[in-house]
Protein backbone atom coordinates (compact mmCIF):
# COMPACT_ATOMS: atom_id res chain seq x y z
CA PHE A 1 143.46 2.55 214.26
CA SER A 2 141.08 5.43 214.58
CA ARG A 3 137.43 4.69 213.99
CA ARG A 4 137.59 6.51 210.64
CA LYS A 5 140.59 4.44 209.51
CA THR A 6 138.89 1.21 210.59
CA THR A 7 135.69 2.15 208.73
CA TYR A 8 137.71 3.17 205.65
CA CYS A 9 139.53 -0.17 205.56
CA HIS A 10 136.29 -2.11 206.03
CA LEU A 11 134.46 -0.24 203.26
CA HIS A 12 137.09 -1.33 200.77
CA GLN A 13 136.24 -4.96 201.50
CA HIS A 14 132.74 -4.54 200.03
CA PRO A 15 132.71 -5.92 196.46
CA SER A 16 130.86 -2.87 195.09
CA VAL A 17 133.30 -0.30 196.46
CA HIS A 18 135.90 1.00 194.04
CA GLU A 19 137.07 3.91 196.17
CA ALA A 20 135.95 5.36 199.49
CA SER A 21 136.70 8.16 201.87
CA VAL A 22 135.61 8.59 205.46
CA VAL A 23 135.48 11.95 207.18
CA GLY A 24 134.28 13.26 210.49
CA MET A 25 131.40 15.72 210.21
CA PRO A 26 129.95 17.86 213.00
CA HIS A 27 127.18 16.31 215.07
CA ASP A 28 125.04 18.23 217.57
CA VAL A 29 125.07 15.54 220.26
CA TYR A 30 128.29 13.56 219.75
CA GLY A 31 130.51 16.33 218.43
CA GLU A 32 131.45 14.33 215.35
CA GLU A 33 130.01 11.50 213.30
CA VAL A 34 131.47 9.18 210.68
CA VAL A 35 130.32 9.99 207.14
CA ALA A 36 131.44 7.88 204.19
CA THR A 37 131.60 8.73 200.51
CA VAL A 38 131.78 5.85 198.05
CA LYS A 39 132.54 5.45 194.36
CA VAL A 40 131.17 2.12 193.17
CA ASN A 41 132.78 -0.30 190.75
CA PRO A 42 131.47 -0.37 187.18
CA GLY A 43 128.48 -2.68 186.99
CA HIS A 44 127.57 -2.12 190.65
CA GLU A 45 125.48 1.01 190.15
CA LYS A 46 122.46 -0.62 191.82
CA THR A 47 124.28 -0.88 195.14
CA THR A 48 122.29 0.88 197.84
CA VAL A 49 123.27 2.92 200.86
CA ASN A 50 121.44 0.45 203.11
CA GLU A 51 123.39 -2.46 201.64
CA ILE A 52 126.70 -0.81 202.51
CA ILE A 53 125.52 0.28 205.96
CA LEU A 54 124.36 -3.28 206.75
CA PHE A 55 127.71 -4.62 205.54
CA CYS A 56 129.48 -2.25 207.92
CA ARG A 57 127.11 -2.93 210.83
CA GLU A 58 127.75 -6.67 210.58
CA ASN A 59 131.47 -6.26 211.14
CA LEU A 60 132.10 -2.97 212.93
CA SER A 61 131.33 -1.72 216.41
CA ASP A 62 128.22 0.38 216.73
CA PHE A 63 130.15 3.64 217.02
CA LYS A 64 132.34 2.89 213.98
CA TYR A 65 129.89 2.25 211.16
CA PRO A 66 128.85 5.28 209.09
CA ARG A 67 125.29 6.49 209.59
CA LYS A 68 125.43 8.49 206.37
CA ILE A 69 126.88 7.31 203.08
CA PHE A 70 126.93 9.33 199.89
CA PHE A 71 127.74 8.03 196.43
CA ILE A 72 130.05 10.09 194.25
CA ASP A 73 131.12 9.82 190.63
CA GLU A 74 134.57 11.32 191.17
CA PHE A 75 136.43 12.42 194.27
CA PRO A 76 138.10 15.83 194.39
CA LYS A 77 141.80 15.03 194.08
CA ASN A 78 145.06 16.92 194.03
CA HIS A 79 147.74 16.63 191.34
CA ALA A 80 149.20 13.58 193.10
CA GLY A 81 145.86 11.75 192.99
CA LYS A 82 145.10 12.03 196.72
CA ILE A 83 141.57 12.79 197.83
CA GLN A 84 141.22 16.37 199.02
CA LYS A 85 139.38 15.88 202.31
CA GLU A 86 138.55 19.56 202.87
CA LYS A 87 136.95 19.89 199.44
CA LEU A 88 135.08 16.64 200.06
CA LYS A 89 133.84 17.94 203.44
CA ALA A 90 132.62 21.15 201.76
CA LEU A 91 130.76 19.07 199.18
CA LEU A 92 129.24 16.93 201.92
CA ARG A 93 128.21 19.99 203.94
CA SER A 94 126.32 21.28 200.88
CA LYS A 95 124.52 17.92 200.66
CA LEU A 96 123.80 17.73 204.40
CA VAL A 97 122.29 21.19 204.79
CA PRO A 98 119.03 20.27 202.97
CA LEU A 99 118.83 17.06 205.04
CA LEU A 100 119.25 18.92 208.32
CA GLY A 101 117.11 21.96 207.43
């Protein structure tokens, strides 16, 4: 398994996670970092980013857990229902720019 696949599989074990996607985003030092996007189950809207990061840190190697997690209401999907990773990355880049600037 790649580290993204391992992280993706682990995220789905969290009881609040309805759907998740993990992508690699550029990182100045490491070249790439794991960034997760999560859609929570109904009734779990109070789930926090820290809660999910701690869940991942307890069970994943240090280099595999996502340092950044974003919540999303709906994933960009194609007609077959698959998450469109490039559109998701573009959305994440627009969210990351204010954080990095």
